Amino acid sequence: MDDTVTIYRGLTSHNAKNIKAMSWTLNYDTASWFAHRFGEDGTVYEATIDKSHILALFNGRNESEIIVDPKHLMNITEAEEPVAGMSITQ
């Protein structure tokens, strides 16, 4: 894992105010699933974080869930959908 890691978070109208949360993913597609579950038109956010502020990584359920200290999130922006055929999973 690089010293600075790109992470993603999918939000719906239910949790739209919780951008700076602990639970993120290394996988854009997983974040997109969370943003669009229940028929929602949610948003995927992208951020970076230094590896030293990652608290845990869970690979179960194919989510690549990453737990971070949210006060250290950097460069939070709306993520752009990756180009088809290109993987951005770390």
Protein backbone atom coordinates (compact mmCIF):
# COMPACT_ATOMS: atom_id res chain seq x y z
CA MET A 1 0.00 0.00 0.00
CA ASP A 2 1.31 3.44 -0.92
CA ASP A 3 1.98 6.08 1.75
CA THR A 4 -1.05 8.06 0.51
CA VAL A 5 -4.15 6.01 -0.31
CA THR A 6 -7.17 6.94 -2.46
CA ILE A 7 -10.46 5.88 -0.89
CA TYR A 8 -14.16 6.13 -1.84
CA ARG A 9 -17.46 6.56 -0.02
CA GLY A 10 -20.96 6.18 -1.46
CA LEU A 11 -23.69 8.30 0.09
CA THR A 12 -27.46 8.41 -0.35
CA SER A 13 -29.93 11.07 0.75
CA HIS A 14 -30.18 9.17 4.05
CA ASN A 15 -26.52 9.75 5.03
CA ALA A 16 -25.50 12.63 2.72
CA LYS A 17 -24.21 14.74 5.61
CA ASN A 18 -21.82 11.99 6.76
CA ILE A 19 -19.01 12.53 4.29
CA LYS A 20 -16.33 12.71 6.98
CA ALA A 21 -17.01 9.27 8.41
CA MET A 22 -14.80 6.35 9.43
CA SER A 23 -15.98 3.77 6.88
CA TRP A 24 -14.70 4.04 3.27
CA THR A 25 -13.66 1.56 0.57
CA LEU A 26 -10.67 1.09 -1.70
CA ASN A 27 -13.04 0.24 -4.57
CA TYR A 28 -15.02 2.78 -6.62
CA ASP A 29 -17.59 0.16 -7.69
CA THR A 30 -18.33 -0.74 -4.07
CA ALA A 31 -18.86 2.92 -3.18
CA SER A 32 -21.11 3.31 -6.22
CA TRP A 33 -23.21 0.34 -5.07
CA PHE A 34 -23.73 2.02 -1.68
CA ALA A 35 -24.59 5.33 -3.38
CA HIS A 36 -27.23 3.72 -5.59
CA ARG A 37 -28.72 1.04 -3.36
CA PHE A 38 -32.42 1.19 -2.61
CA GLY A 39 -32.93 2.96 -5.96
CA GLU A 40 -31.22 6.11 -4.69
CA ASP A 41 -29.41 8.58 -6.92
CA GLY A 42 -26.49 8.99 -4.53
CA THR A 43 -23.01 10.39 -4.82
CA VAL A 44 -19.59 8.76 -4.70
CA TYR A 45 -16.87 10.74 -2.98
CA GLU A 46 -13.12 10.29 -3.31
CA ALA A 47 -10.54 11.28 -0.72
CA THR A 48 -6.94 10.61 0.12
CA ILE A 49 -5.49 9.67 3.46
CA ASP A 50 -2.01 8.93 4.73
CA LYS A 51 -1.49 5.25 5.41
CA SER A 52 -0.62 6.05 9.03
CA HIS A 53 -4.24 7.18 9.63
CA ILE A 54 -5.79 3.90 8.43
CA LEU A 55 -7.13 2.02 11.41
CA ALA A 56 -8.30 -1.23 9.76
CA LEU A 57 -8.96 -2.95 6.43
CA PHE A 58 -11.69 -5.57 6.04
CA ASN A 59 -11.75 -7.63 2.84
CA GLY A 60 -14.88 -9.61 3.72
CA ARG A 61 -18.02 -9.40 1.58
CA ASN A 62 -15.87 -8.08 -1.31
CA GLU A 63 -16.20 -4.53 0.06
CA SER A 64 -12.53 -3.65 0.69
CA GLU A 65 -13.80 -1.62 3.63
CA ILE A 66 -11.23 0.70 5.10
CA ILE A 67 -11.63 2.31 8.52
CA VAL A 68 -9.91 5.66 8.87
CA ASP A 69 -9.53 8.52 11.30
CA PRO A 70 -11.85 10.97 9.49
CA LYS A 71 -10.16 14.10 10.80
CA HIS A 72 -7.19 13.22 8.56
CA LEU A 73 -9.14 12.90 5.28
CA MET A 74 -7.69 15.05 2.51
CA ASN A 75 -8.86 16.25 -0.91
CA ILE A 76 -12.50 15.17 -0.57
CA THR A 77 -14.26 15.58 -3.92
CA GLU A 78 -17.05 13.99 -5.90
CA ALA A 79 -15.50 11.01 -7.67
CA GLU A 80 -15.66 10.68 -11.41
CA GLU A 81 -16.81 7.35 -12.77
CA PRO A 82 -13.79 5.41 -14.04
CA VAL A 83 -13.44 4.76 -17.75
CA ALA A 84 -14.82 1.33 -18.73
CA GLY A 85 -12.15 -1.35 -18.65
CA MET A 86 -9.89 0.55 -16.26
CA SER A 87 -9.64 -0.66 -12.70
CA ILE A 88 -8.87 1.82 -9.94
CA THR A 89 -8.96 -0.64 -7.08
CA GLN A 90 -5.78 -0.39 -5.04
